[in-house]
Each structure stands twice: as structure tokens, then as C-alpha cells.
Amino acid sequence: MTLNIIQKLFYKLFLLILSLVYSVSGGVVAPSTEDPIKILNEEQVQLAFATIADPQISNYMFARYRSFEAACMDLKAAEYDYDAVLLLGDVAENGLEEEYQLVLDKLSGMNTRYVAVSGNHDIRLRLYSQATNRFTEFANALNGDNNMTALHQSEVINGYKFITLGSDKTKFEETYLSQEQLDWLDSELHAENGKLTFVLCHQPLKLTHGLPDTWNSPSDTAGSVGDQNDQLFEIMNKYENVVFLTGHLHTGFVDFLYEIKDGVHLVNVPSFSIENKTGDYNGSGLGFIAEVYEEEVIFRARDFARGIWVPEHDIHIEIK
């Protein structure tokens, strides 16, 4: 990414203030190194990836960056090279280039493939074309290529397809999936012929994962994809072994992070940097390490900020 003069000034100012904050408060509390990230069975695992959501890094919210930095330390200290690291949206609080640069500074450099999904915070405060260009430039900088040209795309990693969905126009909280994008999704899933496939979107489906209560709203669509919710679900439900990965809700580890809606597996990921609002285990710095085996996918709950597993909140998904 290339920052202009004003963005560079804000970026350097943030780092200066952050260094002063750290000097007074003692800096980042590094996660434990006693139980690093390892794969359960390296001989049998077919795919392994990290899932993180909602960093929402801001150029003025210093506490949030502190949590993000600690969680990235744990993510990078893994004793296994992930096949992919998934970012499930709301990478930047205000979609600013200097905010994306702050994320790049701490998250890039791993021997992995980064798969990035745009969230409402990434696109909502500016022209759609500008927001799209900024986000795709960020994603391409993570991977060191120019492969991402739109907010929706598909990519095969280690033989498994990852499909990212992104809004086709500026929205404030929800997303907008055009008919063209929905038709494209249908064709992408049809091509897999029932093979395990991961569909990534920032917002979850309505009336799932505790919605609308987890969004503190009486509206059935609050906190969800929005108007195209039913069409999206109908397409995914036509096929077997579809796992729908989302963020957006900022809940901690709770039982309803995983649901099966008819034939679709739904996994919602807690916030990686923001304080999660509810749950038996909340705070910030949470996410999953996913391991794919011949007959199941295991989403292993991880407190990245503290460097510990939370096995009571692991998710097991049977593959047909």
C-alpha cells in the first residue's frame, strides 16, 4: 500500500501516541507461549486455517490496537504453517488507508494465503469505488499479488474452495448482494458438486446466532445480511457440505456460534480485537483454528490475546 502525505502523518502520529501510551501503561501484554498453536494430527489433516473477524483497527483507539497486537503475536508464533488466514470483515474501523497499514504491519509476513472479506466498516463511509479499491489493495498487499479485483471472488486452497461475498454497493450495516453475485455464487457451489466448501460473508443470516437479540433490536433482519438473506440461504441450502463463516456480532464464545440451518453449517466468529459483548467467555482476541479431516472439520476455539485454547467451545462439523 502507498500512503499519501496526510495519511503518513496520521500514521506516524498514531505510532508516536501509541509509544507514549505504552511507556506509561507498560505496553502490550504478550500472550502465553506455554501452549502454542499446533495441529492435532499433522499426518491426517487435509487443510488448516485461522479464522479471525472484526479487528476494526482505528487510528485513534489505542486499547483496541493493543489487543490486536497481542493476538497477532500468538497467531504468528504457531508451530504450523496455516494454509490460510481468513479475515471475516471489518478490518478497519473507518476504512482509512492508514488503518489498513496498521493491520498490515502486524498481520502480514506469515507463510500462508490471506483471504479477506469486506465488512460494513470497511466500505460505509465513502464512495463504493474508493472503498473497493482500498480494500482490494489491502488484501493484495497481504498476499503480495494483485489477484483480488472485486469484493467477491473464489479461491481454491489445498483443494478446498473458499468463496468470499461482498456488498455490491455502499450500505451502512447490512450488505447488498446483487442478482449477478447470487447467480455467481450458485454456479461456484454447483461446480463443487457437494464437496466441502467455505462461503465467507461478514454478516450472518437473520434469526441465527441469537439474532436479533444479539443486535439489541426487535427487527428480524437486524445484524444480518439484509434484504437478500432468503435468496442467499436458498442457494447455499441446495448443496451439501457448505460452511457459512461470518463475523459482525461481537459475541464471545457461546453455544450459538455454531448452528445448522436445514443443511447449511453456520459458524460465527467472535471479535479479534474489540471487547466481545456477551458469552460465557468474552473479552477480546478470540477466534478459531480450523482443521479439516476426511470426515469432519474441527473449529478449535482460541484466545489468541492470551495464547490459550478454550476447548469447551470447540465446534465439530461432520462431513457427509
C-alpha atoms as a PDB file:
ATOM      1  CA  MET A   1       0.000   0.000   0.000  1.00  0.00           C
ATOM      2  CA  THR A   2       1.112   3.555  -0.710  1.00  0.00           C
ATOM      3  CA  LEU A   3       0.085   6.228   1.781  1.00  0.00           C
ATOM      4  CA  ASN A   4      -0.174   9.869   0.768  1.00  0.00           C
ATOM      5  CA  ILE A   5       1.449  12.633   2.808  1.00  0.00           C
ATOM      6  CA  ILE A   6      -1.557  13.286   5.064  1.00  0.00           C
ATOM      7  CA  GLN A   7      -2.099   9.570   5.692  1.00  0.00           C
ATOM      8  CA  LYS A   8       1.578   9.165   6.539  1.00  0.00           C
ATOM      9  CA  LEU A   9       1.295  11.979   9.069  1.00  0.00           C
ATOM     10  CA  PHE A  10      -1.729  10.381  10.765  1.00  0.00           C
ATOM     11  CA  TYR A  11       0.018   7.006  10.700  1.00  0.00           C
ATOM     12  CA  LYS A  12       3.181   8.369  12.316  1.00  0.00           C
ATOM     13  CA  LEU A  13       1.140  10.364  14.832  1.00  0.00           C
ATOM     14  CA  PHE A  14      -0.714   7.214  15.872  1.00  0.00           C
ATOM     15  CA  LEU A  15       2.557   5.338  16.375  1.00  0.00           C
ATOM     16  CA  LEU A  16       4.007   8.223  18.367  1.00  0.00           C
ATOM     17  CA  ILE A  17       0.995   8.475  20.673  1.00  0.00           C
ATOM     18  CA  LEU A  18       0.919   4.687  20.975  1.00  0.00           C
ATOM     19  CA  SER A  19       4.550   4.624  22.093  1.00  0.00           C
ATOM     20  CA  LEU A  20       3.728   7.234  24.753  1.00  0.00           C
ATOM     21  CA  VAL A  21       0.704   5.229  25.909  1.00  0.00           C
ATOM     22  CA  TYR A  22       2.819   2.076  26.100  1.00  0.00           C
ATOM     23  CA  SER A  23       5.555   3.860  28.033  1.00  0.00           C
ATOM     24  CA  VAL A  24       3.015   4.881  30.680  1.00  0.00           C
ATOM     25  CA  SER A  25       0.929   1.696  30.813  1.00  0.00           C
ATOM     26  CA  GLY A  26       3.628  -0.908  30.286  1.00  0.00           C
ATOM     27  CA  GLY A  27       2.896  -1.802  26.673  1.00  0.00           C
ATOM     28  CA  VAL A  28       1.384  -4.954  25.229  1.00  0.00           C
ATOM     29  CA  VAL A  29       0.912  -7.959  27.476  1.00  0.00           C
ATOM     30  CA  ALA A  30       2.361 -10.748  25.373  1.00  0.00           C
ATOM     31  CA  PRO A  31       0.314 -13.955  25.139  1.00  0.00           C
ATOM     32  CA  SER A  32       1.489 -17.088  26.876  1.00  0.00           C
ATOM     33  CA  THR A  33       3.937 -19.296  24.974  1.00  0.00           C
ATOM     34  CA  GLU A  34       3.263 -22.408  27.068  1.00  0.00           C
ATOM     35  CA  ASP A  35       0.611 -23.844  24.732  1.00  0.00           C
ATOM     36  CA  PRO A  36       1.394 -22.620  21.199  1.00  0.00           C
ATOM     37  CA  ILE A  37      -0.803 -23.311  18.211  1.00  0.00           C
ATOM     38  CA  LYS A  38      -0.251 -26.854  16.985  1.00  0.00           C
ATOM     39  CA  ILE A  39      -2.311 -29.125  14.743  1.00  0.00           C
ATOM     40  CA  LEU A  40      -4.000 -32.079  16.421  1.00  0.00           C
ATOM     41  CA  ASN A  41      -2.922 -34.586  13.784  1.00  0.00           C
ATOM     42  CA  GLU A  42      -0.435 -33.321  11.203  1.00  0.00           C
ATOM     43  CA  GLU A  43      -0.370 -36.653   9.385  1.00  0.00           C
ATOM     44  CA  GLN A  44      -4.110 -36.712   8.703  1.00  0.00           C
ATOM     45  CA  VAL A  45      -5.055 -33.037   8.474  1.00  0.00           C
ATOM     46  CA  GLN A  46      -6.007 -32.001   4.936  1.00  0.00           C
ATOM     47  CA  LEU A  47      -6.379 -28.262   5.480  1.00  0.00           C
ATOM     48  CA  ALA A  48      -5.723 -25.905   8.384  1.00  0.00           C
ATOM     49  CA  PHE A  49      -6.651 -22.248   8.603  1.00  0.00           C
ATOM     50  CA  ALA A  50      -7.149 -19.474  11.131  1.00  0.00           C
ATOM     51  CA  THR A  51     -10.424 -17.534  11.270  1.00  0.00           C
ATOM     52  CA  ILE A  52     -10.467 -14.033  12.697  1.00  0.00           C
ATOM     53  CA  ALA A  53     -13.163 -11.367  12.490  1.00  0.00           C
ATOM     54  CA  ASP A  54     -13.670  -7.697  13.258  1.00  0.00           C
ATOM     55  CA  PRO A  55     -10.237  -6.312  14.046  1.00  0.00           C
ATOM     56  CA  GLN A  56     -11.793  -2.862  13.379  1.00  0.00           C
ATOM     57  CA  ILE A  57      -8.425  -1.229  13.852  1.00  0.00           C
ATOM     58  CA  SER A  58      -8.722   2.509  14.354  1.00  0.00           C
ATOM     59  CA  ASN A  59      -6.156   5.278  14.056  1.00  0.00           C
ATOM     60  CA  TYR A  60      -7.255   6.648  17.433  1.00  0.00           C
ATOM     61  CA  MET A  61      -8.485   3.666  19.528  1.00  0.00           C
ATOM     62  CA  PHE A  62      -5.252   2.596  21.203  1.00  0.00           C
ATOM     63  CA  ALA A  63      -6.626  -0.092  23.514  1.00  0.00           C
ATOM     64  CA  ARG A  64      -8.066  -1.947  20.538  1.00  0.00           C
ATOM     65  CA  TYR A  65      -4.685  -1.955  18.801  1.00  0.00           C
ATOM     66  CA  ARG A  66      -3.012  -3.296  21.935  1.00  0.00           C
ATOM     67  CA  SER A  67      -5.299  -6.336  21.942  1.00  0.00           C
ATOM     68  CA  PHE A  68      -4.779  -6.810  18.204  1.00  0.00           C
ATOM     69  CA  GLU A  69      -1.006  -6.729  18.572  1.00  0.00           C
ATOM     70  CA  ALA A  70      -1.035  -9.354  21.320  1.00  0.00           C
ATOM     71  CA  ALA A  71      -3.372 -11.641  19.351  1.00  0.00           C
ATOM     72  CA  CYS A  72      -1.162 -11.354  16.252  1.00  0.00           C
ATOM     73  CA  MET A  73       1.850 -12.413  18.318  1.00  0.00           C
ATOM     74  CA  ASP A  74       0.108 -15.669  19.165  1.00  0.00           C
ATOM     75  CA  LEU A  75      -1.126 -16.178  15.612  1.00  0.00           C
ATOM     76  CA  LYS A  76       2.398 -15.778  14.250  1.00  0.00           C
ATOM     77  CA  ALA A  77       4.004 -17.994  16.900  1.00  0.00           C
ATOM     78  CA  ALA A  78       2.152 -21.083  15.645  1.00  0.00           C
ATOM     79  CA  GLU A  79       4.222 -24.232  15.223  1.00  0.00           C
ATOM     80  CA  TYR A  80       2.458 -24.963  11.932  1.00  0.00           C
ATOM     81  CA  ASP A  81       2.157 -23.017   8.705  1.00  0.00           C
ATOM     82  CA  TYR A  82      -1.530 -22.322   8.110  1.00  0.00           C
ATOM     83  CA  ASP A  83      -2.862 -22.984   4.644  1.00  0.00           C
ATOM     84  CA  ALA A  84      -4.874 -19.787   5.019  1.00  0.00           C
ATOM     85  CA  VAL A  85      -5.757 -16.968   7.383  1.00  0.00           C
ATOM     86  CA  LEU A  86      -9.330 -15.740   6.942  1.00  0.00           C
ATOM     87  CA  LEU A  87     -10.314 -12.170   7.821  1.00  0.00           C
ATOM     88  CA  LEU A  88     -14.094 -12.045   8.079  1.00  0.00           C
ATOM     89  CA  GLY A  89     -14.644  -8.338   7.637  1.00  0.00           C
ATOM     90  CA  ASP A  90     -14.471  -5.013   9.464  1.00  0.00           C
ATOM     91  CA  VAL A  91     -10.715  -4.906   9.142  1.00  0.00           C
ATOM     92  CA  ALA A  92     -10.627  -1.132   9.582  1.00  0.00           C
ATOM     93  CA  GLU A  93     -12.909   0.977  11.775  1.00  0.00           C
ATOM     94  CA  ASN A  94     -13.309   3.768   9.229  1.00  0.00           C
ATOM     95  CA  GLY A  95     -11.898   2.241   6.035  1.00  0.00           C
ATOM     96  CA  LEU A  96      -8.851   4.534   6.158  1.00  0.00           C
ATOM     97  CA  GLU A  97      -5.644   3.569   4.393  1.00  0.00           C
ATOM     98  CA  GLU A  98      -3.549   4.244   7.483  1.00  0.00           C
ATOM     99  CA  GLU A  99      -5.803   1.862   9.444  1.00  0.00           C
ATOM    100  CA  TYR A 100      -5.213  -0.864   6.876  1.00  0.00           C
ATOM    101  CA  GLN A 101      -1.491  -0.144   7.112  1.00  0.00           C
ATOM    102  CA  LEU A 102      -1.610  -0.721  10.877  1.00  0.00           C
ATOM    103  CA  VAL A 103      -3.162  -4.136  10.236  1.00  0.00           C
ATOM    104  CA  LEU A 104      -0.561  -4.951   7.592  1.00  0.00           C
ATOM    105  CA  ASP A 105       2.245  -4.096   9.986  1.00  0.00           C
ATOM    106  CA  LYS A 106       1.227  -6.769  12.472  1.00  0.00           C
ATOM    107  CA  LEU A 107      -0.588  -9.404  10.402  1.00  0.00           C
ATOM    108  CA  SER A 108       1.459  -9.753   7.225  1.00  0.00           C
ATOM    109  CA  GLY A 109       4.556 -11.880   6.769  1.00  0.00           C
ATOM    110  CA  MET A 110       3.233 -15.355   7.552  1.00  0.00           C
ATOM    111  CA  ASN A 111       3.824 -18.218   5.144  1.00  0.00           C
ATOM    112  CA  THR A 112       0.147 -18.529   4.291  1.00  0.00           C
ATOM    113  CA  ARG A 113      -2.624 -17.379   1.971  1.00  0.00           C
ATOM    114  CA  TYR A 114      -4.708 -14.500   3.295  1.00  0.00           C
ATOM    115  CA  VAL A 115      -8.408 -14.475   2.366  1.00  0.00           C
ATOM    116  CA  ALA A 116     -10.044 -11.144   3.207  1.00  0.00           C
ATOM    117  CA  VAL A 117     -13.746 -10.293   3.347  1.00  0.00           C
ATOM    118  CA  SER A 118     -15.001  -6.725   3.432  1.00  0.00           C
ATOM    119  CA  GLY A 119     -17.317  -5.612   6.224  1.00  0.00           C
ATOM    120  CA  ASN A 120     -19.650  -2.679   6.669  1.00  0.00           C
ATOM    121  CA  HIS A 121     -16.997  -0.606   8.456  1.00  0.00           C
ATOM    122  CA  ASP A 122     -14.628  -1.135   5.531  1.00  0.00           C
ATOM    123  CA  ILE A 123     -16.950   0.420   2.949  1.00  0.00           C
ATOM    124  CA  ARG A 124     -19.668   2.517   4.535  1.00  0.00           C
ATOM    125  CA  LEU A 125     -18.143   5.994   4.856  1.00  0.00           C
ATOM    126  CA  ARG A 126     -17.071   6.689   1.285  1.00  0.00           C
ATOM    127  CA  LEU A 127     -17.780   6.160  -2.384  1.00  0.00           C
ATOM    128  CA  TYR A 128     -18.131   2.492  -3.247  1.00  0.00           C
ATOM    129  CA  SER A 129     -15.377   2.613  -5.864  1.00  0.00           C
ATOM    130  CA  GLN A 130     -12.931   4.183  -3.428  1.00  0.00           C
ATOM    131  CA  ALA A 131     -13.783   1.712  -0.673  1.00  0.00           C
ATOM    132  CA  THR A 132     -13.415  -1.234  -3.049  1.00  0.00           C
ATOM    133  CA  ASN A 133     -10.051  -0.014  -4.298  1.00  0.00           C
ATOM    134  CA  ARG A 134      -8.742   0.485  -0.780  1.00  0.00           C
ATOM    135  CA  PHE A 135      -9.872  -2.916   0.415  1.00  0.00           C
ATOM    136  CA  THR A 136      -8.593  -4.851  -2.574  1.00  0.00           C
ATOM    137  CA  GLU A 137      -5.269  -3.007  -2.384  1.00  0.00           C
ATOM    138  CA  PHE A 138      -5.006  -4.033   1.272  1.00  0.00           C
ATOM    139  CA  ALA A 139      -5.838  -7.680   0.534  1.00  0.00           C
ATOM    140  CA  ASN A 140      -3.357  -7.805  -2.316  1.00  0.00           C
ATOM    141  CA  ALA A 141      -0.659  -6.238  -0.139  1.00  0.00           C
ATOM    142  CA  LEU A 142      -1.156  -9.049   2.385  1.00  0.00           C
ATOM    143  CA  ASN A 143      -0.580 -11.658  -0.329  1.00  0.00           C
ATOM    144  CA  GLY A 144       1.974  -9.776  -2.383  1.00  0.00           C
ATOM    145  CA  ASP A 145      -0.030 -10.064  -5.610  1.00  0.00           C
ATOM    146  CA  ASN A 146      -2.900  -8.415  -7.494  1.00  0.00           C
ATOM    147  CA  ASN A 147      -5.357 -11.312  -7.527  1.00  0.00           C
ATOM    148  CA  MET A 148      -8.225  -9.570  -5.737  1.00  0.00           C
ATOM    149  CA  THR A 149     -10.053  -7.238  -8.109  1.00  0.00           C
ATOM    150  CA  ALA A 150     -13.568  -7.211  -6.566  1.00  0.00           C
ATOM    151  CA  LEU A 151     -15.133  -7.729  -3.154  1.00  0.00           C
ATOM    152  CA  HIS A 152     -16.422 -11.169  -4.155  1.00  0.00           C
ATOM    153  CA  GLN A 153     -14.210 -13.906  -5.506  1.00  0.00           C
ATOM    154  CA  SER A 154     -13.388 -17.583  -5.123  1.00  0.00           C
ATOM    155  CA  GLU A 155     -10.104 -19.325  -4.497  1.00  0.00           C
ATOM    156  CA  VAL A 156      -9.066 -22.956  -4.132  1.00  0.00           C
ATOM    157  CA  ILE A 157      -6.584 -23.650  -1.336  1.00  0.00           C
ATOM    158  CA  ASN A 158      -5.241 -27.157  -0.808  1.00  0.00           C
ATOM    159  CA  GLY A 159      -8.104 -28.500  -2.905  1.00  0.00           C
ATOM    160  CA  TYR A 160     -10.898 -26.707  -0.991  1.00  0.00           C
ATOM    161  CA  LYS A 161     -12.848 -23.753  -2.327  1.00  0.00           C
ATOM    162  CA  PHE A 162     -13.268 -20.527  -0.364  1.00  0.00           C
ATOM    163  CA  ILE A 163     -15.939 -18.160  -1.686  1.00  0.00           C
ATOM    164  CA  THR A 164     -15.976 -14.585  -0.422  1.00  0.00           C
ATOM    165  CA  LEU A 165     -19.096 -12.428  -0.661  1.00  0.00           C
ATOM    166  CA  GLY A 166     -19.023  -8.640  -0.591  1.00  0.00           C
ATOM    167  CA  SER A 167     -21.532  -5.849  -0.892  1.00  0.00           C
ATOM    168  CA  ASP A 168     -22.212  -4.610  -4.417  1.00  0.00           C
ATOM    169  CA  LYS A 169     -22.974  -1.096  -3.186  1.00  0.00           C
ATOM    170  CA  THR A 170     -22.405   1.068  -0.140  1.00  0.00           C
ATOM    171  CA  LYS A 171     -24.530   0.052   2.853  1.00  0.00           C
ATOM    172  CA  PHE A 172     -24.255   1.197   6.461  1.00  0.00           C
ATOM    173  CA  GLU A 173     -24.823  -2.025   8.447  1.00  0.00           C
ATOM    174  CA  GLU A 174     -26.128  -4.677   6.055  1.00  0.00           C
ATOM    175  CA  THR A 175     -24.739  -5.886   2.748  1.00  0.00           C
ATOM    176  CA  TYR A 176     -26.207  -5.829  -0.746  1.00  0.00           C
ATOM    177  CA  LEU A 177     -25.837  -8.934  -2.892  1.00  0.00           C
ATOM    178  CA  SER A 178     -26.823  -8.274  -6.492  1.00  0.00           C
ATOM    179  CA  GLN A 179     -28.601 -10.928  -8.515  1.00  0.00           C
ATOM    180  CA  GLU A 180     -25.431 -11.252 -10.560  1.00  0.00           C
ATOM    181  CA  GLN A 181     -23.413 -12.086  -7.464  1.00  0.00           C
ATOM    182  CA  LEU A 182     -26.030 -14.530  -6.198  1.00  0.00           C
ATOM    183  CA  ASP A 183     -26.069 -16.307  -9.578  1.00  0.00           C
ATOM    184  CA  TRP A 184     -22.279 -16.433  -9.493  1.00  0.00           C
ATOM    185  CA  LEU A 185     -22.374 -17.990  -6.010  1.00  0.00           C
ATOM    186  CA  ASP A 186     -24.828 -20.619  -7.235  1.00  0.00           C
ATOM    187  CA  SER A 187     -22.530 -21.568 -10.105  1.00  0.00           C
ATOM    188  CA  GLU A 188     -19.479 -21.687  -7.824  1.00  0.00           C
ATOM    189  CA  LEU A 189     -21.218 -24.051  -5.397  1.00  0.00           C
ATOM    190  CA  HIS A 190     -22.658 -26.161  -8.214  1.00  0.00           C
ATOM    191  CA  ALA A 191     -19.147 -26.718  -9.558  1.00  0.00           C
ATOM    192  CA  GLU A 192     -18.065 -28.288  -6.255  1.00  0.00           C
ATOM    193  CA  ASN A 193     -20.742 -30.992  -6.517  1.00  0.00           C
ATOM    194  CA  GLY A 194     -21.205 -31.360  -2.748  1.00  0.00           C
ATOM    195  CA  LYS A 195     -17.540 -31.175  -1.763  1.00  0.00           C
ATOM    196  CA  LEU A 196     -16.820 -29.287   1.457  1.00  0.00           C
ATOM    197  CA  THR A 197     -16.902 -25.566   0.592  1.00  0.00           C
ATOM    198  CA  PHE A 198     -16.498 -22.465   2.727  1.00  0.00           C
ATOM    199  CA  VAL A 199     -18.632 -19.397   2.000  1.00  0.00           C
ATOM    200  CA  LEU A 200     -17.424 -16.238   3.724  1.00  0.00           C
ATOM    201  CA  CYS A 201     -19.510 -13.154   4.453  1.00  0.00           C
ATOM    202  CA  HIS A 202     -19.179 -10.502   7.134  1.00  0.00           C
ATOM    203  CA  GLN A 203     -22.858 -10.517   8.147  1.00  0.00           C
ATOM    204  CA  PRO A 204     -24.696 -13.702   9.240  1.00  0.00           C
ATOM    205  CA  LEU A 205     -28.166 -14.882   8.243  1.00  0.00           C
ATOM    206  CA  LYS A 206     -31.185 -13.404  10.011  1.00  0.00           C
ATOM    207  CA  LEU A 207     -32.571 -15.173  13.086  1.00  0.00           C
ATOM    208  CA  THR A 208     -29.328 -17.102  13.605  1.00  0.00           C
ATOM    209  CA  HIS A 209     -26.623 -16.856  16.286  1.00  0.00           C
ATOM    210  CA  GLY A 210     -29.063 -15.295  18.737  1.00  0.00           C
ATOM    211  CA  LEU A 211     -30.279 -12.590  16.354  1.00  0.00           C
ATOM    212  CA  PRO A 212     -31.969 -10.202  16.679  1.00  0.00           C
ATOM    213  CA  ASP A 213     -31.338 -10.203  20.450  1.00  0.00           C
ATOM    214  CA  THR A 214     -27.575 -10.218  19.968  1.00  0.00           C
ATOM    215  CA  TRP A 215     -28.031  -6.998  17.987  1.00  0.00           C
ATOM    216  CA  ASN A 216     -30.295  -5.480  20.650  1.00  0.00           C
ATOM    217  CA  SER A 217     -33.060  -4.900  18.135  1.00  0.00           C
ATOM    218  CA  PRO A 218     -36.664  -6.057  17.656  1.00  0.00           C
ATOM    219  CA  SER A 219     -36.222  -6.252  13.879  1.00  0.00           C
ATOM    220  CA  ASP A 220     -35.894  -9.756  12.420  1.00  0.00           C
ATOM    221  CA  THR A 221     -33.265  -8.583   9.920  1.00  0.00           C
ATOM    222  CA  ALA A 222     -31.119  -6.637  12.394  1.00  0.00           C
ATOM    223  CA  GLY A 223     -27.461  -7.648  12.378  1.00  0.00           C
ATOM    224  CA  SER A 224     -27.902  -9.853   9.321  1.00  0.00           C
ATOM    225  CA  VAL A 225     -27.086  -9.862   5.612  1.00  0.00           C
ATOM    226  CA  GLY A 226     -30.288  -7.927   4.971  1.00  0.00           C
ATOM    227  CA  ASP A 227     -32.697  -7.943   2.040  1.00  0.00           C
ATOM    228  CA  GLN A 228     -31.054 -10.803   0.125  1.00  0.00           C
ATOM    229  CA  ASN A 229     -30.945 -13.054   3.179  1.00  0.00           C
ATOM    230  CA  ASP A 230     -33.523 -15.585   1.959  1.00  0.00           C
ATOM    231  CA  GLN A 231     -32.064 -15.827  -1.541  1.00  0.00           C
ATOM    232  CA  LEU A 232     -28.592 -16.385  -0.141  1.00  0.00           C
ATOM    233  CA  PHE A 233     -29.765 -19.138   2.167  1.00  0.00           C
ATOM    234  CA  GLU A 234     -31.792 -20.876  -0.529  1.00  0.00           C
ATOM    235  CA  ILE A 235     -28.742 -21.051  -2.782  1.00  0.00           C
ATOM    236  CA  MET A 236     -26.443 -22.448  -0.090  1.00  0.00           C
ATOM    237  CA  ASN A 237     -29.089 -24.913   1.074  1.00  0.00           C
ATOM    238  CA  LYS A 238     -29.213 -26.541  -2.378  1.00  0.00           C
ATOM    239  CA  TYR A 239     -25.797 -28.092  -1.765  1.00  0.00           C
ATOM    240  CA  GLU A 240     -24.230 -30.404   0.794  1.00  0.00           C
ATOM    241  CA  ASN A 241     -21.232 -29.593   2.991  1.00  0.00           C
ATOM    242  CA  VAL A 242     -21.483 -25.813   2.815  1.00  0.00           C
ATOM    243  CA  VAL A 243     -19.976 -23.983   5.802  1.00  0.00           C
ATOM    244  CA  PHE A 244     -21.029 -20.332   6.094  1.00  0.00           C
ATOM    245  CA  LEU A 245     -18.458 -18.277   8.046  1.00  0.00           C
ATOM    246  CA  THR A 246     -19.362 -14.843   9.409  1.00  0.00           C
ATOM    247  CA  GLY A 247     -18.429 -12.198  11.980  1.00  0.00           C
ATOM    248  CA  HIS A 248     -20.114  -8.859  12.756  1.00  0.00           C
ATOM    249  CA  LEU A 249     -21.870  -9.765  16.028  1.00  0.00           C
ATOM    250  CA  HIS A 250     -19.001  -9.314  18.515  1.00  0.00           C
ATOM    251  CA  THR A 251     -20.185 -12.084  20.812  1.00  0.00           C
ATOM    252  CA  GLY A 252     -17.747 -14.207  22.783  1.00  0.00           C
ATOM    253  CA  PHE A 253     -17.634 -17.981  22.875  1.00  0.00           C
ATOM    254  CA  VAL A 254     -21.256 -19.074  23.257  1.00  0.00           C
ATOM    255  CA  ASP A 255     -23.190 -22.178  22.256  1.00  0.00           C
ATOM    256  CA  PHE A 256     -24.998 -20.429  19.395  1.00  0.00           C
ATOM    257  CA  LEU A 257     -21.803 -19.613  17.482  1.00  0.00           C
ATOM    258  CA  TYR A 258     -22.500 -22.846  15.617  1.00  0.00           C
ATOM    259  CA  GLU A 259     -25.876 -23.778  14.165  1.00  0.00           C
ATOM    260  CA  ILE A 260     -27.212 -25.992  11.407  1.00  0.00           C
ATOM    261  CA  LYS A 261     -29.983 -24.356   9.381  1.00  0.00           C
ATOM    262  CA  ASP A 262     -31.533 -27.126   7.298  1.00  0.00           C
ATOM    263  CA  GLY A 263     -28.407 -28.383   5.518  1.00  0.00           C
ATOM    264  CA  VAL A 264     -26.115 -25.352   5.933  1.00  0.00           C
ATOM    265  CA  HIS A 265     -23.476 -25.194   8.673  1.00  0.00           C
ATOM    266  CA  LEU A 266     -23.265 -21.723  10.216  1.00  0.00           C
ATOM    267  CA  VAL A 267     -20.203 -20.578  12.178  1.00  0.00           C
ATOM    268  CA  ASN A 268     -19.988 -17.086  13.649  1.00  0.00           C
ATOM    269  CA  VAL A 269     -16.552 -15.884  14.779  1.00  0.00           C
ATOM    270  CA  PRO A 270     -16.015 -13.573  17.783  1.00  0.00           C
ATOM    271  CA  SER A 271     -14.112 -10.319  17.522  1.00  0.00           C
ATOM    272  CA  PHE A 272     -10.332 -10.457  17.245  1.00  0.00           C
ATOM    273  CA  SER A 273      -9.729  -7.006  18.748  1.00  0.00           C
ATOM    274  CA  ILE A 274     -12.942  -5.482  20.112  1.00  0.00           C
ATOM    275  CA  GLU A 275     -14.275  -6.497  23.508  1.00  0.00           C
ATOM    276  CA  ASN A 276     -16.887  -9.163  22.796  1.00  0.00           C
ATOM    277  CA  LYS A 277     -20.220  -8.247  24.341  1.00  0.00           C
ATOM    278  CA  THR A 278     -21.727 -11.475  25.587  1.00  0.00           C
ATOM    279  CA  GLY A 279     -20.957 -15.115  26.177  1.00  0.00           C
ATOM    280  CA  ASP A 280     -19.551 -17.485  28.731  1.00  0.00           C
ATOM    281  CA  TYR A 281     -16.069 -16.486  27.586  1.00  0.00           C
ATOM    282  CA  ASN A 282     -15.728 -12.999  26.150  1.00  0.00           C
ATOM    283  CA  GLY A 283     -13.132 -10.239  26.192  1.00  0.00           C
ATOM    284  CA  SER A 284     -11.108  -9.622  23.026  1.00  0.00           C
ATOM    285  CA  GLY A 285      -8.624 -11.568  20.938  1.00  0.00           C
ATOM    286  CA  LEU A 286     -10.839 -14.573  20.193  1.00  0.00           C
ATOM    287  CA  GLY A 287     -11.147 -16.756  17.102  1.00  0.00           C
ATOM    288  CA  PHE A 288     -10.740 -20.278  15.763  1.00  0.00           C
ATOM    289  CA  ILE A 289      -8.133 -22.540  14.231  1.00  0.00           C
ATOM    290  CA  ALA A 290      -9.952 -24.819  11.782  1.00  0.00           C
ATOM    291  CA  GLU A 291      -8.661 -28.273  10.894  1.00  0.00           C
ATOM    292  CA  VAL A 292     -10.179 -30.313   8.066  1.00  0.00           C
ATOM    293  CA  TYR A 293     -10.018 -34.105   8.198  1.00  0.00           C
ATOM    294  CA  GLU A 294     -11.572 -36.752   5.986  1.00  0.00           C
ATOM    295  CA  GLU A 295     -14.823 -36.957   7.950  1.00  0.00           C
ATOM    296  CA  GLU A 296     -15.018 -33.747   9.972  1.00  0.00           C
ATOM    297  CA  VAL A 297     -13.990 -30.131  10.389  1.00  0.00           C
ATOM    298  CA  ILE A 298     -12.887 -29.027  13.841  1.00  0.00           C
ATOM    299  CA  PHE A 299     -13.031 -25.327  14.730  1.00  0.00           C
ATOM    300  CA  ARG A 300     -10.748 -25.102  17.747  1.00  0.00           C
ATOM    301  CA  ALA A 301     -11.553 -22.120  19.967  1.00  0.00           C
ATOM    302  CA  ARG A 302      -8.516 -19.994  20.710  1.00  0.00           C
ATOM    303  CA  ASP A 303      -7.932 -16.990  22.950  1.00  0.00           C
ATOM    304  CA  PHE A 304      -5.168 -15.513  20.826  1.00  0.00           C
ATOM    305  CA  ALA A 305      -4.634 -12.498  23.071  1.00  0.00           C
ATOM    306  CA  ARG A 306      -3.722 -14.800  25.972  1.00  0.00           C
ATOM    307  CA  GLY A 307      -2.266 -17.682  23.999  1.00  0.00           C
ATOM    308  CA  ILE A 308      -4.568 -20.419  25.278  1.00  0.00           C
ATOM    309  CA  TRP A 309      -7.059 -22.924  23.874  1.00  0.00           C
ATOM    310  CA  VAL A 310     -10.676 -22.858  25.039  1.00  0.00           C
ATOM    311  CA  PRO A 311     -11.615 -26.477  24.176  1.00  0.00           C
ATOM    312  CA  GLU A 312     -15.051 -26.391  25.778  1.00  0.00           C
ATOM    313  CA  HIS A 313     -16.091 -24.124  22.889  1.00  0.00           C
ATOM    314  CA  ASP A 314     -14.656 -26.206  20.038  1.00  0.00           C
ATOM    315  CA  ILE A 315     -17.000 -26.899  17.112  1.00  0.00           C
ATOM    316  CA  HIS A 316     -17.160 -30.267  15.329  1.00  0.00           C
ATOM    317  CA  ILE A 317     -18.821 -30.457  11.910  1.00  0.00           C
ATOM    318  CA  GLU A 318     -19.423 -33.808  10.259  1.00  0.00           C
ATOM    319  CA  ILE A 319     -18.634 -34.042   6.545  1.00  0.00           C
ATOM    320  CA  LYS A 320     -21.051 -36.157   4.529  1.00  0.00           C
END
